N, C-alpha and C. Protein backbone atom coordinates (compact mmCIF):
# COMPACT_ATOMS: atom_id res chain seq x y z
N MET A 1 141.96 45.92 91.81
CA MET A 1 142.88 46.93 92.36
C MET A 1 142.09 47.88 91.33
N LYS A 2 141.54 48.17 90.26
CA LYS A 2 140.93 49.02 89.50
C LYS A 2 139.52 49.32 90.50
N TYR A 3 139.03 48.89 90.85
CA TYR A 3 137.77 48.77 92.02
C TYR A 3 138.39 49.42 93.11
N SER A 4 139.22 49.01 93.50
CA SER A 4 139.69 49.57 94.76
C SER A 4 139.89 51.07 94.77
N LEU A 5 140.46 51.34 94.21
CA LEU A 5 141.08 52.39 94.04
C LEU A 5 139.77 53.74 93.39
N LEU A 6 138.93 52.96 92.77
CA LEU A 6 137.52 53.91 92.28
C LEU A 6 136.80 54.16 93.38
N PHE A 7 136.61 52.98 94.51
CA PHE A 7 136.00 52.87 95.66
C PHE A 7 136.75 54.15 96.41
N SER A 8 138.05 53.77 96.58
CA SER A 8 138.83 54.74 97.59
C SER A 8 138.58 56.34 96.89
N LEU A 9 138.24 56.68 95.89
CA LEU A 9 138.28 57.75 95.31
C LEU A 9 136.46 58.38 95.64
N LEU A 10 135.77 57.72 95.40
CA LEU A 10 134.60 57.84 95.64
C LEU A 10 134.24 57.68 97.30
N ALA A 11 134.97 57.14 97.98
CA ALA A 11 134.78 57.44 99.44
C ALA A 11 135.11 58.55 99.69
N LEU A 12 136.24 58.62 99.36
CA LEU A 12 137.02 60.26 99.48
C LEU A 12 136.28 61.54 99.01
N GLY A 13 135.65 61.66 98.14
CA GLY A 13 134.63 62.32 97.67
C GLY A 13 133.52 62.62 98.58
N LEU A 14 132.92 61.37 98.69
CA LEU A 14 131.92 61.84 99.64
C LEU A 14 131.85 62.05 100.90
N PHE A 15 133.52 61.69 101.63
CA PHE A 15 133.41 62.36 102.87
C PHE A 15 133.78 63.68 102.84
N ALA A 16 134.54 64.05 101.80
CA ALA A 16 134.96 65.44 101.56
C ALA A 16 133.26 66.50 101.46
N CYS A 17 132.58 65.82 100.82
CA CYS A 17 131.16 66.81 100.69
C CYS A 17 130.55 66.48 101.74
N ALA A 18 130.90 65.42 102.57
CA ALA A 18 130.48 65.58 104.13
C ALA A 18 130.59 66.68 104.95
N GLN A 19 131.87 67.08 104.93
CA GLN A 19 132.00 67.97 105.54
C GLN A 19 132.02 69.32 105.15
N PRO A 20 131.57 70.37 106.23
CA PRO A 20 131.00 71.73 105.90
C PRO A 20 132.02 72.42 105.53
N SER A 21 131.79 72.81 104.49
CA SER A 21 132.75 74.04 103.97
C SER A 21 132.86 75.43 104.62
N ALA A 22 133.83 75.76 104.45
CA ALA A 22 133.91 77.42 105.45
C ALA A 22 132.82 78.42 104.74
N SER A 23 132.50 78.02 103.53
CA SER A 23 131.65 79.07 103.06
C SER A 23 130.18 78.80 103.35
N ILE A 24 130.00 77.72 103.85
CA ILE A 24 128.26 77.48 104.55
C ILE A 24 128.08 77.33 106.01
N GLN A 25 129.47 77.57 106.90
CA GLN A 25 129.58 77.67 108.16
C GLN A 25 128.56 78.70 108.71
N PRO A 26 127.46 78.56 109.55
CA PRO A 26 126.81 79.38 110.04
C PRO A 26 127.44 80.44 110.79
N VAL A 27 127.19 81.86 110.28
CA VAL A 27 128.00 83.37 110.66
C VAL A 27 127.23 83.58 112.06
N SER A 28 127.94 84.12 112.97
CA SER A 28 127.45 84.74 114.25
C SER A 28 126.98 86.25 113.89
N ASN A 29 125.81 86.36 114.00
CA ASN A 29 125.63 87.39 113.53
C ASN A 29 124.64 88.57 114.50
N ARG A 30 125.41 89.11 115.62
CA ARG A 30 124.70 89.79 116.99
C ARG A 30 123.61 91.17 116.55
N GLN A 31 123.75 91.61 115.59
CA GLN A 31 123.04 92.61 115.06
C GLN A 31 121.96 92.15 114.65
N LEU A 32 121.70 91.19 113.74
CA LEU A 32 120.50 90.64 113.17
C LEU A 32 119.84 89.99 114.43
N LYS A 33 120.50 89.14 115.52
CA LYS A 33 120.00 88.40 116.35
C LYS A 33 119.08 89.92 117.09
N HIS A 34 119.97 90.67 117.79
CA HIS A 34 119.38 91.78 118.32
C HIS A 34 118.03 92.14 117.52
N GLU A 35 118.32 92.99 115.93
CA GLU A 35 116.96 93.31 115.90
C GLU A 35 116.08 92.07 115.46
N LEU A 36 116.31 91.18 115.63
CA LEU A 36 114.91 90.18 115.36
C LEU A 36 114.37 89.92 116.80
N ASP A 37 115.45 89.74 117.44
CA ASP A 37 114.54 90.22 119.42
C ASP A 37 114.08 91.31 119.60
N SER A 38 114.35 92.49 119.10
CA SER A 38 113.73 93.61 119.26
C SER A 38 112.06 93.73 118.63
N LEU A 39 112.26 92.85 117.27
CA LEU A 39 110.86 92.65 116.84
C LEU A 39 109.89 91.90 117.39
N LEU A 40 110.31 91.19 118.19
CA LEU A 40 109.71 89.78 118.62
C LEU A 40 109.23 90.45 120.04
N ILE A 41 110.12 91.10 120.81
CA ILE A 41 109.38 92.15 122.00
C ILE A 41 108.64 93.07 121.72
N ARG A 42 108.84 93.98 120.73
CA ARG A 42 107.80 94.76 120.25
C ARG A 42 106.53 93.89 119.91
N ASP A 43 106.45 92.96 118.80
CA ASP A 43 105.29 92.09 118.67
C ASP A 43 104.47 91.82 119.72
N GLN A 44 105.07 91.37 121.09
CA GLN A 44 104.49 90.70 121.99
C GLN A 44 103.78 91.69 123.07
N LEU A 45 104.76 92.93 122.83
CA LEU A 45 104.33 93.66 123.79
C LEU A 45 102.55 94.17 123.97
N PHE A 46 102.13 94.40 122.75
CA PHE A 46 100.73 94.98 122.50
C PHE A 46 99.75 93.55 122.67
N ARG A 47 100.13 92.23 122.15
CA ARG A 47 99.43 91.09 122.55
C ARG A 47 99.37 90.83 123.73
N GLU A 48 100.28 90.84 124.78
CA GLU A 48 100.35 90.42 125.92
C GLU A 48 99.19 91.36 126.57
N VAL A 49 99.15 92.89 126.39
CA VAL A 49 97.90 93.57 127.21
C VAL A 49 96.94 93.31 126.51
N LEU A 50 96.37 92.78 125.08
CA LEU A 50 95.05 92.87 124.47
C LEU A 50 94.34 91.90 124.90
N PHE A 51 95.68 90.67 124.72
CA PHE A 51 95.06 89.09 125.25
C PHE A 51 95.41 88.27 126.56
N ASP A 52 95.03 89.21 127.39
CA ASP A 52 94.98 88.97 128.28
C ASP A 52 93.52 88.36 129.55
N PRO A 53 93.62 86.87 129.37
CA PRO A 53 92.28 86.54 129.83
C PRO A 53 92.21 86.93 131.58
N THR A 54 93.32 86.99 132.40
CA THR A 54 93.40 87.28 133.61
C THR A 54 93.15 88.54 133.81
N ASN A 55 93.60 89.78 132.99
CA ASN A 55 93.42 91.12 133.21
C ASN A 55 94.36 91.32 134.08
N ARG A 56 95.22 90.69 134.11
CA ARG A 56 96.74 90.99 135.11
C ARG A 56 97.15 92.00 134.59
N LYS A 57 97.59 92.23 133.18
CA LYS A 57 97.99 93.14 132.56
C LYS A 57 97.34 94.74 132.28
N ARG A 58 95.86 94.89 133.14
CA ARG A 58 95.31 96.26 132.99
C ARG A 58 95.98 97.40 133.07
N LYS A 59 97.03 97.26 134.39
CA LYS A 59 97.94 98.64 134.39
C LYS A 59 98.78 98.61 133.13
N GLN A 60 99.44 97.81 132.64
CA GLN A 60 100.27 97.93 131.82
C GLN A 60 99.72 98.74 130.46
N ARG A 61 98.32 98.13 130.17
CA ARG A 61 97.31 98.40 129.17
C ARG A 61 97.25 100.15 129.30
N TYR A 62 96.84 100.50 130.42
CA TYR A 62 96.49 101.76 130.61
C TYR A 62 97.71 102.61 130.44
N SER A 63 99.24 102.06 131.17
CA SER A 63 100.03 102.61 130.69
C SER A 63 100.43 102.95 129.36
N LEU A 64 100.59 102.13 128.48
CA LEU A 64 100.87 102.21 127.36
C LEU A 64 99.64 103.28 126.46
N ALA A 65 98.12 102.73 126.62
CA ALA A 65 97.27 103.68 126.34
C ALA A 65 97.54 105.28 126.57
N THR A 66 98.20 105.63 128.09
CA THR A 66 98.47 106.90 128.05
C THR A 66 99.89 107.39 127.41
N ALA A 67 100.65 106.32 127.12
CA ALA A 67 102.11 106.78 126.32
C ALA A 67 101.90 106.78 124.97
N TYR A 68 101.12 106.54 124.63
CA TYR A 68 100.57 106.97 123.02
C TYR A 68 99.18 108.14 122.75
N HIS A 69 98.88 108.43 123.91
CA HIS A 69 97.97 109.73 124.15
C HIS A 69 96.70 109.11 123.59
N LEU A 70 96.53 107.79 123.94
CA LEU A 70 95.06 107.25 123.59
C LEU A 70 93.96 107.74 124.17
N PRO A 71 92.89 108.06 123.68
CA PRO A 71 91.39 108.77 124.35
C PRO A 71 91.02 107.54 125.61
N ALA A 72 90.36 108.44 126.58
CA ALA A 72 89.95 107.53 127.32
C ALA A 72 88.26 106.73 126.79
N GLY A 73 88.69 105.43 127.31
CA GLY A 73 87.82 104.41 126.96
C GLY A 73 87.71 103.69 125.19
N GLN A 74 88.91 104.40 124.85
CA GLN A 74 89.08 103.77 123.43
C GLN A 74 90.76 103.22 123.56
N GLU A 75 91.08 102.85 124.49
CA GLU A 75 92.06 101.92 124.85
C GLU A 75 92.51 100.32 124.19
N MET A 76 91.45 100.24 123.98
CA MET A 76 91.59 98.32 123.36
C MET A 76 91.43 98.72 121.78
N VAL A 77 91.02 99.91 121.30
CA VAL A 77 90.45 99.97 120.25
C VAL A 77 91.95 100.63 119.30
N GLY A 78 92.47 101.53 120.19
CA GLY A 78 93.80 102.21 119.89
C GLY A 78 94.80 101.29 119.90
N LEU A 79 95.12 100.19 120.91
CA LEU A 79 96.13 99.58 120.86
C LEU A 79 95.88 98.38 119.90
N SER A 80 94.49 97.90 119.63
CA SER A 80 94.49 97.05 118.65
C SER A 80 95.44 97.54 117.28
N ALA A 81 95.20 98.93 117.21
CA ALA A 81 95.21 99.68 116.04
C ALA A 81 96.75 99.52 115.79
N LEU A 82 97.48 99.94 116.96
CA LEU A 82 98.84 100.11 117.30
C LEU A 82 99.54 98.69 116.62
N MET A 83 98.88 97.46 117.20
CA MET A 83 99.47 96.05 117.12
C MET A 83 99.55 96.01 115.85
N LEU A 84 98.24 96.35 115.01
CA LEU A 84 98.51 96.20 113.30
C LEU A 84 99.27 96.59 112.65
N ALA A 85 99.40 98.03 112.94
CA ALA A 85 100.50 98.86 112.51
C ALA A 85 101.86 98.51 112.75
N VAL A 86 102.00 97.83 114.05
CA VAL A 86 103.71 96.94 114.09
C VAL A 86 103.66 95.95 113.53
N ASP A 87 102.87 95.27 113.20
CA ASP A 87 102.78 93.71 112.53
C ASP A 87 103.09 93.93 111.20
N SER A 88 102.54 95.01 110.29
CA SER A 88 102.76 95.47 109.13
C SER A 88 103.99 95.78 109.31
N SER A 89 104.78 96.61 109.67
CA SER A 89 105.83 97.33 109.46
C SER A 89 107.05 96.13 110.02
N ASP A 90 106.90 94.96 111.13
CA ASP A 90 107.50 93.94 111.48
C ASP A 90 107.55 93.15 110.19
N LEU A 91 106.91 92.80 109.56
CA LEU A 91 106.05 92.03 108.48
C LEU A 91 107.30 92.87 107.01
N HIS A 92 107.31 94.02 107.07
CA HIS A 92 108.01 94.52 105.82
C HIS A 92 109.42 94.44 106.39
N ARG A 93 109.89 94.65 107.34
CA ARG A 93 111.19 94.49 107.61
C ARG A 93 111.82 92.85 107.71
N VAL A 94 110.58 91.83 107.81
CA VAL A 94 111.22 90.51 108.12
C VAL A 94 111.40 90.40 106.57
N ARG A 95 110.76 90.59 105.68
CA ARG A 95 110.68 90.26 104.32
C ARG A 95 111.95 91.09 103.85
N ALA A 96 112.30 92.16 103.96
CA ALA A 96 113.55 92.60 103.54
C ALA A 96 114.67 91.60 104.17
N ILE A 97 114.56 91.66 105.26
CA ILE A 97 115.93 90.85 105.95
C ILE A 97 116.05 89.57 105.34
N ILE A 98 114.97 88.65 104.66
CA ILE A 98 115.18 87.44 104.59
C ILE A 98 115.30 87.75 102.67
N GLY A 99 115.11 88.63 101.93
CA GLY A 99 115.13 89.10 100.84
C GLY A 99 113.84 88.52 99.68
N PHE A 100 112.86 88.81 100.41
CA PHE A 100 111.33 88.64 100.09
C PHE A 100 110.86 90.06 99.51
N GLY A 101 111.76 91.16 99.57
CA GLY A 101 110.55 92.13 99.03
C GLY A 101 110.71 93.47 99.61
């Protein structure tokens, strides 16, 4: 009987631990999701036009170069520099979000 009661209490404790508590439930944070999605889109924008083996994004590349006032003939260099700047900015923001600095 003593072991039965002990086993019941142990089982109840394990069952209680297995249930997710309210404090660790996933929180829906639309603002954070929106910010991370924006970072992803901005990150991929330059990569898609710079690393396009089919050259289908040529018009978009020149449109971006024009929008950023890059000199003619320097589109790839200028867009690469912009991509690196965006990468650095995004890295700082992600580190701030996750508490890494």
